[in-house]
Amino acid sequence: ELLLSSNPIHKKIPVLLHNGKAIVES
């Protein structure tokens, strides 16, 4: 659920969470 909520568009890793904010695409 963490991945799906953090990257709902691509649903891929990696995801960096910084102070609760998600940054995606390596």
PDB file of all heavy atoms in Angstrom:
ATOM      1  N   GLU A   1       0.831  -1.206   0.000  1.00  0.00           N
ATOM      2  CA  GLU A   1       0.000   0.000   0.000  1.00  0.00           C
ATOM      3  C   GLU A   1       0.862   1.251   0.000  1.00  0.00           C
ATOM      4  O   GLU A   1       0.495   2.270  -0.580  1.00  0.00           O
ATOM      5  CB  GLU A   1      -0.929  -0.008   1.217  1.00  0.00           C
ATOM      6  CG  GLU A   1      -2.071  -1.002   1.120  1.00  0.00           C
ATOM      7  CD  GLU A   1      -2.963  -0.739  -0.085  1.00  0.00           C
ATOM      8  OE1 GLU A   1      -3.252   0.452  -0.368  1.00  0.00           O
ATOM      9  OE2 GLU A   1      -3.353  -1.714  -0.750  1.00  0.00           O
ATOM     10  N   LEU A   2       2.022   1.167   0.643  1.00  0.00           N
ATOM     11  CA  LEU A   2       2.929   2.310   0.671  1.00  0.00           C
ATOM     12  C   LEU A   2       3.412   2.641  -0.740  1.00  0.00           C
ATOM     13  O   LEU A   2       3.457   3.817  -1.133  1.00  0.00           O
ATOM     14  CB  LEU A   2       4.119   2.023   1.579  1.00  0.00           C
ATOM     15  CG  LEU A   2       5.164   3.139   1.706  1.00  0.00           C
ATOM     16  CD1 LEU A   2       4.534   4.421   2.223  1.00  0.00           C
ATOM     17  CD2 LEU A   2       6.315   2.693   2.608  1.00  0.00           C
ATOM     18  N   LEU A   3       3.768   1.617  -1.521  1.00  0.00           N
ATOM     19  CA  LEU A   3       4.203   1.845  -2.899  1.00  0.00           C
ATOM     20  C   LEU A   3       3.067   2.415  -3.734  1.00  0.00           C
ATOM     21  O   LEU A   3       3.250   3.391  -4.476  1.00  0.00           O
ATOM     22  CB  LEU A   3       4.710   0.542  -3.515  1.00  0.00           C
ATOM     23  CG  LEU A   3       5.063   0.594  -5.011  1.00  0.00           C
ATOM     24  CD1 LEU A   3       6.135   1.633  -5.280  1.00  0.00           C
ATOM     25  CD2 LEU A   3       5.501  -0.772  -5.510  1.00  0.00           C
ATOM     26  N   LEU A   4       1.891   1.833  -3.617  1.00  0.00           N
ATOM     27  CA  LEU A   4       0.754   2.266  -4.432  1.00  0.00           C
ATOM     28  C   LEU A   4       0.329   3.690  -4.107  1.00  0.00           C
ATOM     29  O   LEU A   4      -0.070   4.448  -4.992  1.00  0.00           O
ATOM     30  CB  LEU A   4      -0.418   1.300  -4.237  1.00  0.00           C
ATOM     31  CG  LEU A   4      -0.178  -0.135  -4.723  1.00  0.00           C
ATOM     32  CD1 LEU A   4      -1.363  -1.022  -4.372  1.00  0.00           C
ATOM     33  CD2 LEU A   4       0.094  -0.175  -6.222  1.00  0.00           C
ATOM     34  N   SER A   5       0.429   4.050  -2.847  1.00  0.00           N
ATOM     35  CA  SER A   5       0.046   5.413  -2.466  1.00  0.00           C
ATOM     36  C   SER A   5       1.149   6.425  -2.768  1.00  0.00           C
ATOM     37  O   SER A   5       0.864   7.600  -3.039  1.00  0.00           O
ATOM     38  CB  SER A   5      -0.315   5.459  -0.979  1.00  0.00           C
ATOM     39  OG  SER A   5       0.809   5.115  -0.173  1.00  0.00           O
ATOM     40  N   SER A   6       2.393   5.974  -2.756  1.00  0.00           N
ATOM     41  CA  SER A   6       3.516   6.877  -2.999  1.00  0.00           C
ATOM     42  C   SER A   6       3.756   7.119  -4.485  1.00  0.00           C
ATOM     43  O   SER A   6       4.213   8.194  -4.879  1.00  0.00           O
ATOM     44  CB  SER A   6       4.796   6.308  -2.369  1.00  0.00           C
ATOM     45  OG  SER A   6       4.659   6.144  -0.986  1.00  0.00           O
ATOM     46  N   ASN A   7       3.476   6.120  -5.291  1.00  0.00           N
ATOM     47  CA  ASN A   7       3.673   6.228  -6.739  1.00  0.00           C
ATOM     48  C   ASN A   7       2.441   5.684  -7.455  1.00  0.00           C
ATOM     49  O   ASN A   7       2.507   4.642  -8.124  1.00  0.00           O
ATOM     50  CB  ASN A   7       4.935   5.461  -7.154  1.00  0.00           C
ATOM     51  CG  ASN A   7       5.353   5.752  -8.584  1.00  0.00           C
ATOM     52  OD1 ASN A   7       4.724   6.538  -9.288  1.00  0.00           O
ATOM     53  ND2 ASN A   7       6.422   5.105  -9.031  1.00  0.00           N
ATOM     54  N   PRO A   8       1.295   6.360  -7.323  1.00  0.00           N
ATOM     55  CA  PRO A   8       0.043   5.829  -7.869  1.00  0.00           C
ATOM     56  C   PRO A   8      -0.012   5.805  -9.393  1.00  0.00           C
ATOM     57  O   PRO A   8      -0.813   5.064  -9.966  1.00  0.00           O
ATOM     58  CB  PRO A   8      -1.006   6.783  -7.298  1.00  0.00           C
ATOM     59  CG  PRO A   8      -0.263   8.067  -7.059  1.00  0.00           C
ATOM     60  CD  PRO A   8       1.116   7.643  -6.634  1.00  0.00           C
ATOM     61  N   ILE A   9       0.825   6.590 -10.066  1.00  0.00           N
ATOM     62  CA  ILE A   9       0.777   6.646 -11.532  1.00  0.00           C
ATOM     63  C   ILE A   9       1.503   5.444 -12.141  1.00  0.00           C
ATOM     64  O   ILE A   9       0.935   4.682 -12.917  1.00  0.00           O
ATOM     65  CB  ILE A   9       1.388   7.963 -12.045  1.00  0.00           C
ATOM     66  CG1 ILE A   9       0.523   9.140 -11.576  1.00  0.00           C
ATOM     67  CG2 ILE A   9       1.481   7.944 -13.580  1.00  0.00           C
ATOM     68  CD1 ILE A   9       1.063  10.491 -11.952  1.00  0.00           C
ATOM     69  N   HIS A  10       2.778   5.261 -11.783  1.00  0.00           N
ATOM     70  CA  HIS A  10       3.568   4.177 -12.380  1.00  0.00           C
ATOM     71  C   HIS A  10       3.604   2.915 -11.526  1.00  0.00           C
ATOM     72  O   HIS A  10       3.884   1.832 -12.043  1.00  0.00           O
ATOM     73  CB  HIS A  10       4.996   4.657 -12.635  1.00  0.00           C
ATOM     74  CG  HIS A  10       5.081   5.797 -13.603  1.00  0.00           C
ATOM     75  ND1 HIS A  10       4.641   5.698 -14.906  1.00  0.00           N
ATOM     76  CD2 HIS A  10       5.554   7.067 -13.459  1.00  0.00           C
ATOM     77  CE1 HIS A  10       4.836   6.853 -15.529  1.00  0.00           C
ATOM     78  NE2 HIS A  10       5.385   7.699 -14.672  1.00  0.00           N
ATOM     79  N   LYS A  11       3.388   3.084 -10.212  1.00  0.00           N
ATOM     80  CA  LYS A  11       3.390   1.938  -9.287  1.00  0.00           C
ATOM     81  C   LYS A  11       4.714   1.170  -9.349  1.00  0.00           C
ATOM     82  O   LYS A  11       4.748  -0.059  -9.318  1.00  0.00           O
ATOM     83  CB  LYS A  11       2.216   0.998  -9.580  1.00  0.00           C
ATOM     84  CG  LYS A  11       0.844   1.662  -9.521  1.00  0.00           C
ATOM     85  CD  LYS A  11      -0.267   0.686  -9.877  1.00  0.00           C
ATOM     86  CE  LYS A  11      -1.644   1.327  -9.771  1.00  0.00           C
ATOM     87  NZ  LYS A  11      -1.821   2.438 -10.733  1.00  0.00           N
ATOM     88  N   LYS A  12       5.824   1.913  -9.474  1.00  0.00           N
ATOM     89  CA  LYS A  12       7.134   1.292  -9.614  1.00  0.00           C
ATOM     90  C   LYS A  12       8.094   1.797  -8.543  1.00  0.00           C
ATOM     91  O   LYS A  12       7.886   2.842  -7.932  1.00  0.00           O
ATOM     92  CB  LYS A  12       7.729   1.620 -10.999  1.00  0.00           C
ATOM     93  CG  LYS A  12       6.949   1.078 -12.179  1.00  0.00           C
ATOM     94  CD  LYS A  12       7.739   1.201 -13.475  1.00  0.00           C
ATOM     95  CE  LYS A  12       8.147   2.620 -13.769  1.00  0.00           C
ATOM     96  NZ  LYS A  12       8.870   2.739 -15.061  1.00  0.00           N
ATOM     97  N   ILE A  13       9.149   1.018  -8.350  1.00  0.00           N
ATOM     98  CA  ILE A  13      10.257   1.415  -7.484  1.00  0.00           C
ATOM     99  C   ILE A  13      11.372   1.958  -8.382  1.00  0.00           C
ATOM    100  O   ILE A  13      11.392   1.653  -9.582  1.00  0.00           O
ATOM    101  CB  ILE A  13      10.749   0.212  -6.636  1.00  0.00           C
ATOM    102  CG1 ILE A  13      10.964  -1.014  -7.557  1.00  0.00           C
ATOM    103  CG2 ILE A  13       9.735  -0.144  -5.588  1.00  0.00           C
ATOM    104  CD1 ILE A  13      12.234  -1.643  -7.444  1.00  0.00           C
ATOM    105  N   PRO A  14      12.296   2.737  -7.829  1.00  0.00           N
ATOM    106  CA  PRO A  14      12.384   3.159  -6.425  1.00  0.00           C
ATOM    107  C   PRO A  14      11.484   4.358  -6.134  1.00  0.00           C
ATOM    108  O   PRO A  14      11.096   5.099  -7.036  1.00  0.00           O
ATOM    109  CB  PRO A  14      13.863   3.566  -6.301  1.00  0.00           C
ATOM    110  CG  PRO A  14      14.216   4.065  -7.669  1.00  0.00           C
ATOM    111  CD  PRO A  14      13.462   3.189  -8.620  1.00  0.00           C
ATOM    112  N   VAL A  15      11.194   4.515  -4.851  1.00  0.00           N
ATOM    113  CA  VAL A  15      10.520   5.707  -4.345  1.00  0.00           C
ATOM    114  C   VAL A  15      11.338   6.225  -3.173  1.00  0.00           C
ATOM    115  O   VAL A  15      11.670   5.456  -2.265  1.00  0.00           O
ATOM    116  CB  VAL A  15       9.079   5.410  -3.888  1.00  0.00           C
ATOM    117  CG1 VAL A  15       8.455   6.655  -3.260  1.00  0.00           C
ATOM    118  CG2 VAL A  15       8.229   4.909  -5.043  1.00  0.00           C
ATOM    119  N   LEU A  16      11.673   7.494  -3.208  1.00  0.00           N
ATOM    120  CA  LEU A  16      12.340   8.139  -2.085  1.00  0.00           C
ATOM    121  C   LEU A  16      11.298   8.927  -1.317  1.00  0.00           C
ATOM    122  O   LEU A  16      10.561   9.731  -1.896  1.00  0.00           O
ATOM    123  CB  LEU A  16      13.445   9.081  -2.565  1.00  0.00           C
ATOM    124  CG  LEU A  16      14.271   9.722  -1.435  1.00  0.00           C
ATOM    125  CD1 LEU A  16      15.278   8.720  -0.885  1.00  0.00           C
ATOM    126  CD2 LEU A  16      14.997  10.984  -1.931  1.00  0.00           C
ATOM    127  N   LEU A  17      11.218   8.677  -0.026  1.00  0.00           N
ATOM    128  CA  LEU A  17      10.319   9.426   0.844  1.00  0.00           C
ATOM    129  C   LEU A  17      11.162  10.347   1.713  1.00  0.00           C
ATOM    130  O   LEU A  17      11.989   9.886   2.500  1.00  0.00           O
ATOM    131  CB  LEU A  17       9.497   8.473   1.718  1.00  0.00           C
ATOM    132  CG  LEU A  17       8.547   7.537   0.945  1.00  0.00           C
ATOM    133  CD1 LEU A  17       8.012   6.450   1.863  1.00  0.00           C
ATOM    134  CD2 LEU A  17       7.407   8.316   0.318  1.00  0.00           C
ATOM    135  N   HIS A  18      10.971  11.649   1.551  1.00  0.00           N
ATOM    136  CA  HIS A  18      11.731  12.638   2.311  1.00  0.00           C
ATOM    137  C   HIS A  18      10.745  13.529   3.066  1.00  0.00           C
ATOM    138  O   HIS A  18       9.971  14.260   2.453  1.00  0.00           O
ATOM    139  CB  HIS A  18      12.600  13.481   1.382  1.00  0.00           C
ATOM    140  CG  HIS A  18      13.470  14.462   2.098  1.00  0.00           C
ATOM    141  ND1 HIS A  18      13.902  15.637   1.536  1.00  0.00           N
ATOM    142  CD2 HIS A  18      13.994  14.428   3.367  1.00  0.00           C
ATOM    143  CE1 HIS A  18      14.644  16.300   2.414  1.00  0.00           C
ATOM    144  NE2 HIS A  18      14.709  15.578   3.517  1.00  0.00           N
ATOM    145  N   ASN A  19      10.765  13.395   4.369  1.00  0.00           N
ATOM    146  CA  ASN A  19       9.813  14.127   5.212  1.00  0.00           C
ATOM    147  C   ASN A  19       8.375  13.889   4.770  1.00  0.00           C
ATOM    148  O   ASN A  19       7.546  14.806   4.741  1.00  0.00           O
ATOM    149  CB  ASN A  19      10.126  15.627   5.202  1.00  0.00           C
ATOM    150  CG  ASN A  19      11.442  15.942   5.884  1.00  0.00           C
ATOM    151  OD1 ASN A  19      11.827  15.276   6.841  1.00  0.00           O
ATOM    152  ND2 ASN A  19      12.140  16.943   5.401  1.00  0.00           N
ATOM    153  N   GLY A  20       8.090  12.646   4.389  1.00  0.00           N
ATOM    154  CA  GLY A  20       6.730  12.270   4.024  1.00  0.00           C
ATOM    155  C   GLY A  20       6.355  12.543   2.579  1.00  0.00           C
ATOM    156  O   GLY A  20       5.272  12.143   2.138  1.00  0.00           O
ATOM    157  N   LYS A  21       7.223  13.212   1.831  1.00  0.00           N
ATOM    158  CA  LYS A  21       6.937  13.516   0.428  1.00  0.00           C
ATOM    159  C   LYS A  21       7.640  12.505  -0.474  1.00  0.00           C
ATOM    160  O   LYS A  21       8.809  12.182  -0.265  1.00  0.00           O
ATOM    161  CB  LYS A  21       7.394  14.930   0.082  1.00  0.00           C
ATOM    162  CG  LYS A  21       6.635  16.017   0.840  1.00  0.00           C
ATOM    163  CD  LYS A  21       7.140  17.399   0.462  1.00  0.00           C
ATOM    164  CE  LYS A  21       6.371  18.489   1.211  1.00  0.00           C
ATOM    165  NZ  LYS A  21       6.864  19.853   0.867  1.00  0.00           N
ATOM    166  N   ALA A  22       6.927  12.032  -1.488  1.00  0.00           N
ATOM    167  CA  ALA A  22       7.451  10.994  -2.370  1.00  0.00           C
ATOM    168  C   ALA A  22       8.087  11.587  -3.619  1.00  0.00           C
ATOM    169  O   ALA A  22       7.511  12.475  -4.259  1.00  0.00           O
ATOM    170  CB  ALA A  22       6.336  10.039  -2.774  1.00  0.00           C
ATOM    171  N   ILE A  23       9.279  11.094  -3.951  1.00  0.00           N
ATOM    172  CA  ILE A  23       9.957  11.444  -5.195  1.00  0.00           C
ATOM    173  C   ILE A  23      10.165  10.138  -5.949  1.00  0.00           C
ATOM    174  O   ILE A  23      10.641   9.152  -5.376  1.00  0.00           O
ATOM    175  CB  ILE A  23      11.317  12.146  -4.947  1.00  0.00           C
ATOM    176  CG1 ILE A  23      11.122  13.387  -4.083  1.00  0.00           C
ATOM    177  CG2 ILE A  23      11.957  12.532  -6.268  1.00  0.00           C
ATOM    178  CD1 ILE A  23      11.369  13.160  -2.617  1.00  0.00           C
ATOM    179  N   VAL A  24       9.806  10.112  -7.237  1.00  0.00           N
ATOM    180  CA  VAL A  24       9.861   8.876  -8.017  1.00  0.00           C
ATOM    181  C   VAL A  24      10.733   9.059  -9.263  1.00  0.00           C
ATOM    182  O   VAL A  24      11.103  10.187  -9.615  1.00  0.00           O
ATOM    183  CB  VAL A  24       8.444   8.419  -8.436  1.00  0.00           C
ATOM    184  CG1 VAL A  24       7.578   8.194  -7.205  1.00  0.00           C
ATOM    185  CG2 VAL A  24       7.778   9.440  -9.363  1.00  0.00           C
ATOM    186  N   GLU A  25      11.031   7.926  -9.923  1.00  0.00           N
ATOM    187  CA  GLU A  25      11.896   7.840 -11.094  1.00  0.00           C
ATOM    188  C   GLU A  25      13.352   8.068 -10.676  1.00  0.00           C
ATOM    189  O   GLU A  25      13.717   9.135 -10.203  1.00  0.00           O
ATOM    190  CB  GLU A  25      11.491   8.823 -12.197  1.00  0.00           C
ATOM    191  CG  GLU A  25      10.071   8.622 -12.711  1.00  0.00           C
ATOM    192  CD  GLU A  25       9.886   7.269 -13.390  1.00  0.00           C
ATOM    193  OE1 GLU A  25      10.744   6.879 -14.206  1.00  0.00           O
ATOM    194  OE2 GLU A  25       8.896   6.597 -13.083  1.00  0.00           O
ATOM    195  N   SER A  26      14.179   7.065 -10.894  1.00  0.00           N
ATOM    196  CA  SER A  26      15.515   7.046 -10.286  1.00  0.00           C
ATOM    197  C   SER A  26      16.407   8.216 -10.703  1.00  0.00           C
ATOM    198  O   SER A  26      17.108   8.778  -9.862  1.00  0.00           O
ATOM    199  CB  SER A  26      16.211   5.717 -10.576  1.00  0.00           C
ATOM    200  OG  SER A  26      16.444   5.546 -11.964  1.00  0.00           O
TER     201      SER A  26
END
